[in-house]
């Protein structure tokens, strides 16, 4: 929490009495000043100030202001400060103004249309990691890519800075490969099947994933149904050297730590700019030492990547960064009109994954087929099989049971039950089946509506919540046939979802 290396303004300090506030504020040290007194000193909410007292050298904090909670002549210290830095009630605090750092100037420059050099971008990322920037500055930084998209040089600088300010996985003399989805399509849990296939083939594929930002489940959320996903770098190296793979949450490490702090800002807004997405993915691949990368990019009007034109622009940026970081990349653009798999939500998607790996009768064949295409592309890209032979090689590993055996080893290493059966995965305690109100053919499935309602049911925070799909596009249904089933932890969530589908249509039936 301590902030160092800020420059103080050459201006006389002033003195206030400490008032301990029994309130926590989160990651950033904050103080409270009386609104009128703050203005008298030329201080505004969000400004940075330096604090020091009898037993404490300089620390830095963000200013909040209020009219009633604090009196003139006082400075309110939130718990993050007085618990870590012992301070008596009514302690005399010396307060000094702080000069705006290079990082803030860089954010202003980007917001007003300027181009940033590496030093400026590094200053922003480094200050994010060291908690020198608050939530307001972070929000403006995220918004800056909307004001003016990053140039290719800026994308490279940003990716490099995010990778360089965190830990890196170093496995000498080993070629690291990876498969990554840009997200935005419900279900589509191909990664959790592709990783054990590739590892069973003999390649090193350590997988770090984010939690869901705009969807009801991410790979990390889904894997967490089967095993813990937070580990130290030492433990990750141990698992990868043993199993050639892992399935972990990147936010539990210091791999590209700035990215996860930025995600905390983007998640509440369900906001993920394309450039931010590209950098987020590539920074973690650089940090993990990846040399061959296949990117799954679903394209459709209800997905994150809405048009082929946008997909091509994003692909070009991925390929450009790949060349500059010496990573060989192939982007697989697949039209997406409906979810992949039958389950939407962590537990339901985990069940789909296990059904494919365990070769169950009810396994979702669309999820299986797409995974085999992507895994095959990666085997070909890494030069392990001839072009056109990758899918067949991946299929042999899956059908032989080698992929499931490898997944069992991964689950066991991460502290889960390696003998878990797909059909024993626990779902939400409450459920409600929705039936068709008419006879016809399913002509469309609204991916965005699925995301919204699955989150209404509690996913991804409530792992057992979600939606199970009984019908696909093109199938005929009769009045009264099951369309989908809601799962939730309590009846209130079910009632909210039932209310939502009165106005939101998941299936179009004509």
Protein backbone atom coordinates (compact mmCIF):
# COMPACT_ATOMS: atom_id res chain seq x y z
CA UNK A 1 0.00 0.00 0.00
CA UNK A 2 2.92 2.36 0.61
CA UNK A 3 3.63 4.68 -2.30
CA UNK A 4 7.14 5.95 -2.92
CA UNK A 5 9.01 8.17 -5.35
CA UNK A 6 6.24 10.76 -5.76
CA UNK A 7 7.41 14.35 -6.10
CA UNK A 8 6.09 16.86 -3.60
CA UNK A 9 5.02 20.28 -4.82
CA UNK A 10 7.36 23.06 -3.68
CA UNK A 11 4.67 24.53 -1.45
CA UNK A 12 4.42 24.99 2.32
CA UNK A 13 2.91 22.03 4.20
CA UNK A 14 -0.04 22.39 6.61
CA UNK A 15 -1.06 20.44 9.71
CA UNK A 16 -4.23 18.59 10.74
CA UNK A 17 -5.28 16.30 13.61
CA UNK A 18 -5.79 12.61 12.85
CA UNK A 19 -9.23 11.04 13.18
CA UNK A 20 -9.33 7.25 12.82
CA UNK A 21 -12.19 6.07 10.59
CA UNK A 22 -13.38 2.49 11.06
CA UNK A 23 -13.96 2.02 7.35
CA UNK A 24 -12.02 0.00 4.77
CA UNK A 25 -11.60 1.46 1.30
CA UNK A 26 -9.91 -1.33 -0.68
CA UNK A 27 -6.57 -1.40 -2.47
CA UNK A 28 -5.66 2.27 -2.24
CA UNK A 29 -4.73 4.38 0.84
CA UNK A 30 -7.30 7.16 1.23
CA UNK A 31 -8.00 10.04 3.60
CA UNK A 32 -10.99 12.28 4.27
CA UNK A 33 -10.89 16.09 4.46
CA UNK A 34 -13.64 18.58 5.19
CA UNK A 35 -14.88 19.83 1.82
CA UNK A 36 -14.52 23.59 2.49
CA UNK A 37 -11.12 23.25 4.15
CA UNK A 38 -9.84 21.15 1.25
CA UNK A 39 -10.87 23.87 -1.18
CA UNK A 40 -9.15 26.51 0.96
CA UNK A 41 -5.90 24.59 0.51
CA UNK A 42 -6.56 24.10 -3.22
CA UNK A 43 -7.19 20.36 -2.84
CA UNK A 44 -9.89 18.45 -4.71
CA UNK A 45 -11.30 14.94 -4.35
CA UNK A 46 -8.99 12.54 -6.14
CA UNK A 47 -5.83 14.59 -5.53
CA UNK A 48 -2.76 12.94 -3.98
CA UNK A 49 -1.19 14.22 -0.78
CA UNK A 50 1.86 13.25 1.24
CA UNK A 51 1.46 12.47 4.97
CA UNK A 52 4.00 12.26 7.77
CA UNK A 53 3.91 12.32 11.58
CA UNK A 54 6.09 11.77 14.61
CA UNK A 55 6.90 8.09 14.08
CA UNK A 56 6.15 7.83 10.38
CA UNK A 57 8.06 9.01 7.33
CA UNK A 58 6.23 10.09 4.21
CA UNK A 59 3.35 7.99 2.86
CA UNK A 60 0.93 9.01 0.13
CA UNK A 61 -2.84 8.86 -0.12
CA UNK A 62 -5.84 9.83 -2.25
CA UNK A 63 -8.16 12.57 -0.97
CA UNK A 64 -11.90 12.19 -0.44
CA UNK A 65 -14.01 15.07 0.84
CA UNK A 66 -17.15 15.33 2.99
CA UNK A 67 -19.16 17.93 4.91
CA UNK A 68 -20.46 16.00 7.94
CA UNK A 69 -18.17 13.02 8.56
CA UNK A 70 -15.11 15.15 9.27
CA UNK A 71 -14.57 18.54 10.93
CA UNK A 72 -12.29 21.38 9.82
CA UNK A 73 -8.84 20.87 11.32
CA UNK A 74 -9.13 17.07 11.08
CA UNK A 75 -7.89 14.50 8.58
CA UNK A 76 -9.75 11.18 8.49
CA UNK A 77 -7.51 8.12 8.17
CA UNK A 78 -9.22 5.02 6.80
CA UNK A 79 -8.31 1.61 8.26
CA UNK A 80 -5.79 0.76 5.51
CA UNK A 81 -3.57 3.57 6.78
CA UNK A 82 -3.79 3.55 10.59
CA UNK A 83 -3.67 -0.27 10.88
CA UNK A 84 -0.52 -0.52 8.80
CA UNK A 85 1.11 2.70 9.99
CA UNK A 86 0.45 3.13 13.76
CA UNK A 87 -1.06 6.49 14.48
CA UNK A 88 -2.72 7.88 17.62
CA UNK A 89 -6.09 9.57 17.69
CA UNK A 90 -5.54 13.35 17.30
CA UNK A 91 -1.93 12.78 16.13
CA UNK A 92 -0.60 15.89 14.37
CA UNK A 93 -0.27 15.03 10.65
CA UNK A 94 1.89 17.06 8.29
CA UNK A 95 0.18 17.31 4.89
CA UNK A 96 1.94 18.23 1.63
CA UNK A 97 0.67 18.43 -1.95
CA UNK A 98 1.97 15.97 -4.54
CA UNK A 99 3.01 16.86 -8.05
CA UNK A 100 1.18 14.98 -10.78
CA UNK A 101 3.39 12.09 -11.94
CA UNK A 102 4.42 11.29 -15.51
CA UNK A 103 1.76 8.58 -15.66
CA UNK A 104 -1.07 11.08 -15.13
CA UNK A 105 0.39 13.40 -17.76
CA UNK A 106 0.56 10.41 -20.12
CA UNK A 107 -3.12 9.56 -19.55
CA UNK A 108 -4.08 13.19 -20.22
CA UNK A 109 -1.98 13.18 -23.37
CA UNK A 110 -3.69 10.02 -24.65
CA UNK A 111 -7.17 11.32 -23.82
CA UNK A 112 -6.50 14.44 -25.87
CA UNK A 113 -5.34 12.46 -28.89
CA UNK A 114 -1.57 12.31 -28.40
CA UNK A 115 0.68 9.33 -29.09
CA UNK A 116 2.61 7.81 -26.21
CA UNK A 117 6.21 6.59 -26.21
CA UNK A 118 7.47 3.58 -24.25
CA UNK A 119 8.62 5.63 -21.25
CA UNK A 120 5.16 7.21 -20.90
CA UNK A 121 3.31 3.92 -21.23
CA UNK A 122 5.70 2.17 -18.85
CA UNK A 123 5.13 4.95 -16.28
CA UNK A 124 1.37 4.30 -16.40
CA UNK A 125 1.68 0.53 -16.10
CA UNK A 126 4.35 0.72 -13.40
CA UNK A 127 2.24 3.16 -11.36
CA UNK A 128 -0.79 0.87 -11.72
CA UNK A 129 1.20 -2.09 -10.39
CA UNK A 130 2.65 -0.05 -7.51
CA UNK A 131 -0.85 1.29 -6.66
CA UNK A 132 0.17 4.86 -7.39
CA UNK A 133 -2.91 5.39 -9.57
CA UNK A 134 -6.39 5.31 -8.09
CA UNK A 135 -9.63 3.98 -9.56
CA UNK A 136 -10.40 7.32 -11.27
CA UNK A 137 -7.07 7.42 -13.13
CA UNK A 138 -7.48 3.75 -14.04
CA UNK A 139 -10.93 4.41 -15.48
CA UNK A 140 -9.59 7.30 -17.56
CA UNK A 141 -6.73 5.12 -18.77
CA UNK A 142 -9.18 2.44 -19.95
CA UNK A 143 -11.34 5.12 -21.58
CA UNK A 144 -8.34 6.63 -23.37
CA UNK A 145 -8.33 3.85 -25.96
CA UNK A 146 -11.86 4.93 -26.95
CA UNK A 147 -10.80 8.56 -27.34
CA UNK A 148 -8.11 7.53 -29.82
CA UNK A 149 -7.23 3.90 -30.63
CA UNK A 150 -3.68 2.80 -29.90
CA UNK A 151 -1.15 2.81 -32.74
CA UNK A 152 0.69 -0.44 -33.47
CA UNK A 153 3.73 0.93 -31.67
CA UNK A 154 1.61 1.84 -28.63
CA UNK A 155 0.09 -1.65 -28.58
CA UNK A 156 3.60 -3.12 -28.58
CA UNK A 157 4.79 -0.76 -25.82
CA UNK A 158 1.71 -1.48 -23.72
CA UNK A 159 2.04 -5.25 -24.12
CA UNK A 160 5.73 -5.15 -23.30
CA UNK A 161 5.24 -2.91 -20.25
CA UNK A 162 2.48 -5.12 -18.81
CA UNK A 163 4.60 -8.25 -19.31
CA UNK A 164 7.78 -6.65 -17.97
CA UNK A 165 6.21 -5.33 -14.75
CA UNK A 166 5.26 -8.82 -13.57
CA UNK A 167 6.62 -12.31 -13.07
CA UNK A 168 7.56 -14.52 -16.02
CA UNK A 169 7.53 -18.26 -16.44
CA UNK A 170 10.99 -19.38 -17.55
CA UNK A 171 11.35 -22.97 -18.77
CA UNK A 172 14.72 -23.18 -20.56
CA UNK A 173 15.01 -25.41 -23.62
CA UNK A 174 11.25 -26.05 -23.76
CA UNK A 175 8.90 -24.84 -26.47
CA UNK A 176 5.72 -23.37 -24.99
CA UNK A 177 2.45 -23.39 -26.98
CA UNK A 178 -1.01 -22.07 -26.17
CA UNK A 179 -4.59 -21.85 -27.34
CA UNK A 180 -6.74 -18.85 -26.37
CA UNK A 181 -10.30 -17.70 -27.03
CA UNK A 182 -11.12 -14.00 -27.18
CA UNK A 183 -14.42 -14.84 -25.44
CA UNK A 184 -17.81 -13.31 -26.02
CA UNK A 185 -19.61 -16.55 -26.90
CA UNK A 186 -21.67 -18.42 -24.34
CA UNK A 187 -20.36 -21.89 -23.51
CA UNK A 188 -17.43 -22.44 -25.87
CA UNK A 189 -15.28 -24.07 -23.17
CA UNK A 190 -12.85 -25.52 -25.73
CA UNK A 191 -9.70 -24.58 -23.80
CA UNK A 192 -10.31 -27.07 -21.01
CA UNK A 193 -10.45 -29.89 -23.56
CA UNK A 194 -7.70 -28.66 -25.90
CA UNK A 195 -5.07 -28.23 -23.16
CA UNK A 196 -5.03 -31.91 -22.04
CA UNK A 197 -5.07 -33.01 -25.71
CA UNK A 198 -2.00 -30.92 -26.52
CA UNK A 199 -0.21 -31.89 -23.29
CA UNK A 200 -0.96 -35.58 -23.91
CA UNK A 201 0.67 -35.16 -27.34
CA UNK A 202 3.84 -34.08 -25.51
CA UNK A 203 3.89 -30.28 -25.84
CA UNK A 204 4.22 -27.81 -22.95
CA UNK A 205 1.04 -25.76 -22.59
CA UNK A 206 0.76 -23.92 -19.24
CA UNK A 207 -2.58 -22.14 -19.31
CA UNK A 208 -3.38 -18.96 -17.40
CA UNK A 209 -6.91 -17.65 -17.78
CA UNK A 210 -8.95 -14.71 -16.57
CA UNK A 211 -12.25 -14.85 -14.78
CA UNK A 212 -15.37 -13.78 -16.63
CA UNK A 213 -15.59 -10.08 -17.49
CA UNK A 214 -18.72 -9.83 -19.65
CA UNK A 215 -19.89 -13.47 -19.60
CA UNK A 216 -21.38 -15.91 -17.06
CA UNK A 217 -18.19 -18.01 -16.93
CA UNK A 218 -14.53 -17.82 -17.83
CA UNK A 219 -12.10 -20.71 -18.09
CA UNK A 220 -10.76 -20.00 -14.59
CA UNK A 221 -14.31 -19.90 -13.15
CA UNK A 222 -15.12 -23.23 -14.81
CA UNK A 223 -11.88 -24.99 -13.85
CA UNK A 224 -12.45 -23.88 -10.27
CA UNK A 225 -15.46 -26.22 -10.17
CA UNK A 226 -12.98 -29.11 -10.57
CA UNK A 227 -9.90 -27.86 -8.70
CA UNK A 228 -8.27 -24.77 -7.15
CA UNK A 229 -6.82 -22.32 -9.68
CA UNK A 230 -4.60 -20.00 -7.58
CA UNK A 231 -0.94 -20.98 -7.17
CA UNK A 232 2.52 -19.49 -6.73
CA UNK A 233 4.95 -19.36 -9.64
CA UNK A 234 7.08 -22.00 -7.93
CA UNK A 235 4.12 -24.40 -7.77
CA UNK A 236 3.16 -23.67 -11.38
CA UNK A 237 6.66 -24.56 -12.60
CA UNK A 238 6.47 -27.77 -10.60
CA UNK A 239 3.10 -28.72 -12.12
CA UNK A 240 4.12 -27.83 -15.67
CA UNK A 241 7.38 -29.78 -15.50
CA UNK A 242 5.43 -32.77 -14.21
CA UNK A 243 2.31 -32.64 -16.42
CA UNK A 244 3.42 -30.31 -19.25
CA UNK A 245 0.36 -28.21 -18.44
CA UNK A 246 -1.84 -26.49 -15.87
CA UNK A 247 -5.17 -24.65 -15.88
CA UNK A 248 -4.88 -21.72 -13.51
CA UNK A 249 -6.17 -18.20 -12.83
CA UNK A 250 -3.62 -15.62 -13.92
CA UNK A 251 -4.91 -13.12 -11.36
CA UNK A 252 -3.60 -15.29 -8.55
CA UNK A 253 -0.05 -14.53 -9.68
CA UNK A 254 2.03 -11.50 -10.50
CA UNK A 255 1.98 -12.41 -14.19
CA UNK A 256 0.96 -9.19 -15.98
CA UNK A 257 -0.45 -7.81 -12.68
CA UNK A 258 -1.49 -4.50 -14.23
CA UNK A 259 -3.91 -6.35 -16.48
CA UNK A 260 -5.83 -7.81 -13.57
CA UNK A 261 -6.02 -4.43 -11.84
CA UNK A 262 -7.41 -2.93 -15.06
CA UNK A 263 -9.96 -5.78 -15.28
CA UNK A 264 -11.30 -4.72 -11.86
CA UNK A 265 -12.26 -1.42 -13.47
CA UNK A 266 -13.66 -2.85 -16.71
CA UNK A 267 -15.73 -5.65 -15.10
CA UNK A 268 -18.39 -3.47 -13.38
CA UNK A 269 -18.97 -1.67 -16.68
CA UNK A 270 -18.99 -4.90 -18.75
CA UNK A 271 -16.43 -3.01 -20.79
CA UNK A 272 -13.59 -4.51 -22.78
CA UNK A 273 -12.16 -2.39 -25.63
CA UNK A 274 -10.65 -4.44 -28.45
CA UNK A 275 -7.16 -3.00 -28.01
CA UNK A 276 -7.34 -3.71 -24.26
CA UNK A 277 -8.39 -7.29 -25.05
CA UNK A 278 -5.49 -7.79 -27.50
CA UNK A 279 -2.93 -6.43 -25.06
CA UNK A 280 -4.37 -8.46 -22.17
CA UNK A 281 -4.03 -11.68 -24.12
CA UNK A 282 -0.61 -10.98 -25.62
CA UNK A 283 1.03 -9.67 -22.43
CA UNK A 284 0.27 -12.92 -20.65
CA UNK A 285 1.53 -14.99 -23.57
CA UNK A 286 4.80 -13.02 -23.55
CA UNK A 287 5.11 -13.49 -19.78
CA UNK A 288 4.47 -17.23 -20.11
CA UNK A 289 7.10 -17.63 -22.83
CA UNK A 290 4.65 -18.80 -25.53
CA UNK A 291 6.12 -19.36 -29.01
CA UNK A 292 3.11 -20.84 -30.85
CA UNK A 293 -0.42 -19.52 -30.32
CA UNK A 294 -3.81 -20.36 -31.83
CA UNK A 295 -6.53 -17.78 -31.18
CA UNK A 296 -10.20 -18.74 -31.32
CA UNK A 297 -12.19 -15.72 -32.51
CA UNK A 298 -15.98 -16.26 -32.64
CA UNK A 299 -17.60 -13.76 -35.00
CA UNK A 300 -21.28 -12.85 -34.98
CA UNK A 301 -23.79 -10.05 -34.34
CA UNK A 302 -24.43 -11.20 -30.76
CA UNK A 303 -20.77 -11.88 -29.83
CA UNK A 304 -17.87 -9.68 -28.77
CA UNK A 305 -16.52 -9.54 -32.35
CA UNK A 306 -19.57 -8.55 -34.34
CA UNK A 307 -18.36 -8.42 -37.96
CA UNK A 308 -15.73 -10.01 -40.16
CA UNK A 309 -14.30 -6.53 -40.83
CA UNK A 310 -13.63 -6.01 -37.12
CA UNK A 311 -12.28 -9.57 -36.84
CA UNK A 312 -9.79 -8.92 -39.66
CA UNK A 313 -8.59 -5.70 -38.01
CA UNK A 314 -8.06 -7.49 -34.70
CA UNK A 315 -6.33 -10.39 -36.44
CA UNK A 316 -3.85 -8.01 -38.08
CA UNK A 317 -2.97 -6.51 -34.70
CA UNK A 318 -2.43 -9.96 -33.19
CA UNK A 319 -0.17 -10.95 -36.10
CA UNK A 320 1.78 -7.70 -35.84
CA UNK A 321 2.45 -8.21 -32.13
CA UNK A 322 3.30 -11.84 -32.79
CA UNK A 323 6.06 -10.81 -35.17
CA UNK A 324 7.51 -8.24 -32.76
CA UNK A 325 7.56 -10.74 -29.88
CA UNK A 326 8.64 -13.70 -32.05
CA UNK A 327 5.39 -15.63 -31.44
CA UNK A 328 3.91 -17.56 -34.34
CA UNK A 329 0.16 -16.93 -34.34
CA UNK A 330 -2.83 -18.33 -36.20
CA UNK A 331 -6.24 -16.72 -35.74
CA UNK A 332 -9.21 -19.03 -36.36
CA UNK A 333 -12.28 -16.94 -37.21
CA UNK A 334 -15.46 -19.00 -36.89
CA UNK A 335 -19.00 -17.68 -37.53
CA UNK A 336 -20.99 -17.89 -34.30
CA UNK A 337 -24.78 -17.92 -34.40
CA UNK A 338 -25.36 -19.82 -31.16
CA UNK A 339 -23.51 -21.03 -28.04
CA UNK A 340 -21.03 -23.89 -28.21
CA UNK A 341 -21.94 -26.71 -25.83
CA UNK A 342 -25.16 -27.12 -23.86
CA UNK A 343 -24.25 -25.58 -20.50
CA UNK A 344 -23.96 -21.87 -19.68
CA UNK A 345 -22.36 -21.18 -16.28
CA UNK A 346 -19.30 -22.64 -14.47
CA UNK A 347 -20.70 -25.99 -13.24
CA UNK A 348 -22.74 -26.65 -16.38
CA UNK A 349 -19.77 -25.87 -18.60
CA UNK A 350 -17.49 -28.05 -16.46
CA UNK A 351 -19.96 -30.91 -16.92
CA UNK A 352 -19.86 -30.42 -20.70
CA UNK A 353 -16.04 -30.54 -20.63
CA UNK A 354 -15.97 -33.73 -18.57
CA UNK A 355 -18.59 -35.38 -20.79
CA UNK A 356 -16.38 -34.81 -23.84
CA UNK A 357 -13.18 -35.96 -22.13
CA UNK A 358 -14.89 -39.00 -20.58
CA UNK A 359 -16.64 -39.84 -23.88
CA UNK A 360 -20.13 -39.76 -22.39
CA UNK A 361 -23.19 -40.46 -24.50
CA UNK A 362 -24.68 -37.01 -23.78
CA UNK A 363 -21.51 -35.09 -24.62
CA UNK A 364 -22.01 -31.90 -26.71
CA UNK A 365 -20.64 -32.84 -30.15
CA UNK A 366 -20.37 -29.23 -31.34
CA UNK A 367 -18.01 -28.45 -28.45
CA UNK A 368 -16.02 -31.59 -29.19
CA UNK A 369 -15.71 -30.86 -32.91
CA UNK A 370 -14.66 -27.24 -32.46
CA UNK A 371 -12.05 -28.23 -29.87
CA UNK A 372 -10.56 -30.83 -32.22
CA UNK A 373 -10.30 -28.24 -35.01
CA UNK A 374 -8.47 -25.77 -32.72
CA UNK A 375 -6.21 -28.38 -31.13
CA UNK A 376 -5.38 -29.68 -34.60
CA UNK A 377 -4.48 -26.18 -35.80
CA UNK A 378 -2.08 -25.79 -32.88
CA UNK A 379 -0.37 -29.12 -33.56
CA UNK A 380 0.09 -28.06 -37.18
CA UNK A 381 1.28 -24.54 -36.30
CA UNK A 382 3.92 -25.96 -33.94
CA UNK A 383 5.17 -28.28 -36.69
CA UNK A 384 4.15 -31.47 -34.90
CA UNK A 385 2.03 -32.85 -37.75
CA UNK A 386 1.57 -32.07 -41.42
CA UNK A 387 -0.95 -29.45 -42.50
CA UNK A 388 -4.37 -31.03 -42.71
CA UNK A 389 -3.46 -33.87 -40.30
CA UNK A 390 -3.90 -31.99 -37.02
CA UNK A 391 -7.56 -32.73 -36.35
CA UNK A 392 -7.05 -36.45 -36.90
CA UNK A 393 -4.10 -36.47 -34.49
CA UNK A 394 -6.13 -34.60 -31.85
CA UNK A 395 -9.08 -36.95 -32.37
CA UNK A 396 -6.92 -40.01 -31.75
CA UNK A 397 -5.69 -38.58 -28.42
CA UNK A 398 -9.22 -37.71 -27.30
CA UNK A 399 -10.82 -41.01 -28.32
CA UNK A 400 -8.01 -43.12 -26.84
CA UNK A 401 -8.61 -41.68 -23.36
CA UNK A 402 -5.15 -40.08 -23.21
CA UNK A 403 -6.65 -36.59 -22.95
CA UNK A 404 -8.84 -37.57 -19.98
CA UNK A 405 -5.88 -39.25 -18.28
CA UNK A 406 -3.87 -36.04 -18.72
CA UNK A 407 -6.78 -33.96 -17.37
CA UNK A 408 -6.92 -36.24 -14.33
CA UNK A 409 -3.23 -35.53 -13.70
CA UNK A 410 -3.85 -31.78 -13.99
CA UNK A 411 -6.83 -31.90 -11.62
CA UNK A 412 -4.87 -33.98 -9.09
CA UNK A 413 -1.85 -31.65 -9.18
CA UNK A 414 -4.13 -28.68 -8.55
CA UNK A 415 -5.79 -30.31 -5.55
CA UNK A 416 -9.04 -31.55 -7.08
CA UNK A 417 -10.66 -34.98 -7.32
CA UNK A 418 -9.14 -36.74 -10.39
CA UNK A 419 -11.89 -39.38 -10.34
CA UNK A 420 -14.79 -36.95 -10.64
CA UNK A 421 -17.52 -38.13 -12.99
CA UNK A 422 -19.23 -35.72 -15.36
CA UNK A 423 -22.68 -36.71 -14.19
CA UNK A 424 -21.81 -36.10 -10.54
CA UNK A 425 -21.07 -32.39 -10.97
CA UNK A 426 -23.41 -30.58 -8.59
CA UNK A 427 -25.79 -28.03 -10.09
CA UNK A 428 -27.89 -25.31 -8.48
CA UNK A 429 -30.33 -26.54 -5.85
CA UNK A 430 -33.28 -24.82 -7.56
CA UNK A 431 -34.27 -25.29 -11.19
CA UNK A 432 -37.02 -24.30 -13.59
CA UNK A 433 -37.68 -25.71 -17.06
CA UNK A 434 -38.93 -23.41 -19.82
CA UNK A 435 -41.07 -24.97 -22.55
CA UNK A 436 -41.92 -23.81 -26.05
CA UNK A 437 -45.15 -21.88 -26.38
CA UNK A 438 -45.56 -22.90 -30.01
CA UNK A 439 -44.63 -25.43 -32.68
CA UNK A 440 -41.98 -24.54 -35.23
CA UNK A 441 -38.24 -24.50 -35.93
CA UNK A 442 -35.53 -22.80 -33.87
CA UNK A 443 -34.15 -20.07 -36.14
CA UNK A 444 -31.96 -18.08 -33.72
CA UNK A 445 -30.47 -18.11 -30.22
CA UNK A 446 -29.66 -14.76 -28.58
CA UNK A 447 -26.18 -15.13 -27.10
CA UNK A 448 -26.39 -11.79 -25.32
CA UNK A 449 -29.71 -12.71 -23.71
CA UNK A 450 -28.21 -15.97 -22.46
CA UNK A 451 -25.35 -14.07 -20.84
CA UNK A 452 -27.67 -11.60 -19.13
CA UNK A 453 -30.06 -14.21 -17.78
CA UNK A 454 -27.27 -16.57 -16.66
CA UNK A 455 -25.79 -13.71 -14.67
CA UNK A 456 -29.24 -12.92 -13.29
CA UNK A 457 -29.29 -16.52 -12.04
CA UNK A 458 -26.03 -15.81 -10.18
CA UNK A 459 -23.26 -16.99 -12.53
CA UNK A 460 -20.28 -16.81 -12.40
CA UNK A 461 -20.09 -15.91 -8.69
CA UNK A 462 -22.45 -18.75 -7.84
CA UNK A 463 -20.71 -21.62 -9.59
CA UNK A 464 -23.76 -23.90 -9.75
CA UNK A 465 -25.99 -21.31 -11.42
CA UNK A 466 -26.68 -21.16 -15.15
CA UNK A 467 -28.72 -22.36 -18.09
CA UNK A 468 -28.86 -25.77 -19.81
CA UNK A 469 -29.93 -25.67 -23.46
CA UNK A 470 -32.15 -28.47 -24.79
CA UNK A 471 -32.50 -27.20 -28.36
CA UNK A 472 -30.22 -25.93 -31.15
CA UNK A 473 -30.73 -23.80 -34.25
CA UNK A 474 -32.45 -25.79 -36.99
CA UNK A 475 -34.23 -28.23 -34.69
CA UNK A 476 -38.01 -28.55 -34.78
CA UNK A 477 -39.96 -28.21 -31.56
CA UNK A 478 -43.55 -28.86 -30.58
CA UNK A 479 -45.59 -26.78 -28.19
CA UNK A 480 -44.66 -27.95 -24.71
CA UNK A 481 -41.18 -29.26 -25.63
CA UNK A 482 -38.34 -28.30 -23.28
CA UNK A 483 -36.22 -25.37 -24.53
CA UNK A 484 -33.90 -24.68 -21.60
CA UNK A 485 -33.56 -25.16 -17.84
CA UNK A 486 -32.58 -22.53 -15.28
CA UNK A 487 -30.38 -23.48 -12.30
CA UNK A 488 -29.80 -21.27 -9.26
CA UNK A 489 -28.87 -21.41 -5.59
CA UNK A 490 -32.25 -20.07 -4.46
CA UNK A 491 -35.80 -19.49 -5.63
CA UNK A 492 -35.41 -15.72 -5.69
CA UNK A 493 -32.83 -16.01 -8.48
CA UNK A 494 -35.17 -18.29 -10.43
CA UNK A 495 -37.99 -15.77 -10.08
CA UNK A 496 -35.75 -12.97 -11.37
CA UNK A 497 -34.84 -15.04 -14.44
CA UNK A 498 -38.49 -15.92 -15.08
CA UNK A 499 -39.32 -12.23 -14.98
CA UNK A 500 -36.46 -11.47 -17.38
CA UNK A 501 -37.68 -13.87 -20.09
CA UNK A 502 -41.02 -12.07 -20.15
CA UNK A 503 -39.15 -9.30 -22.00
CA UNK A 504 -36.01 -11.04 -23.25
CA UNK A 505 -36.34 -13.73 -25.91
CA UNK A 506 -33.60 -16.41 -25.90
CA UNK A 507 -34.96 -18.58 -28.72
CA UNK A 508 -36.63 -17.44 -31.93
CA UNK A 509 -39.08 -20.10 -33.16
CA UNK A 510 -40.84 -19.77 -36.51
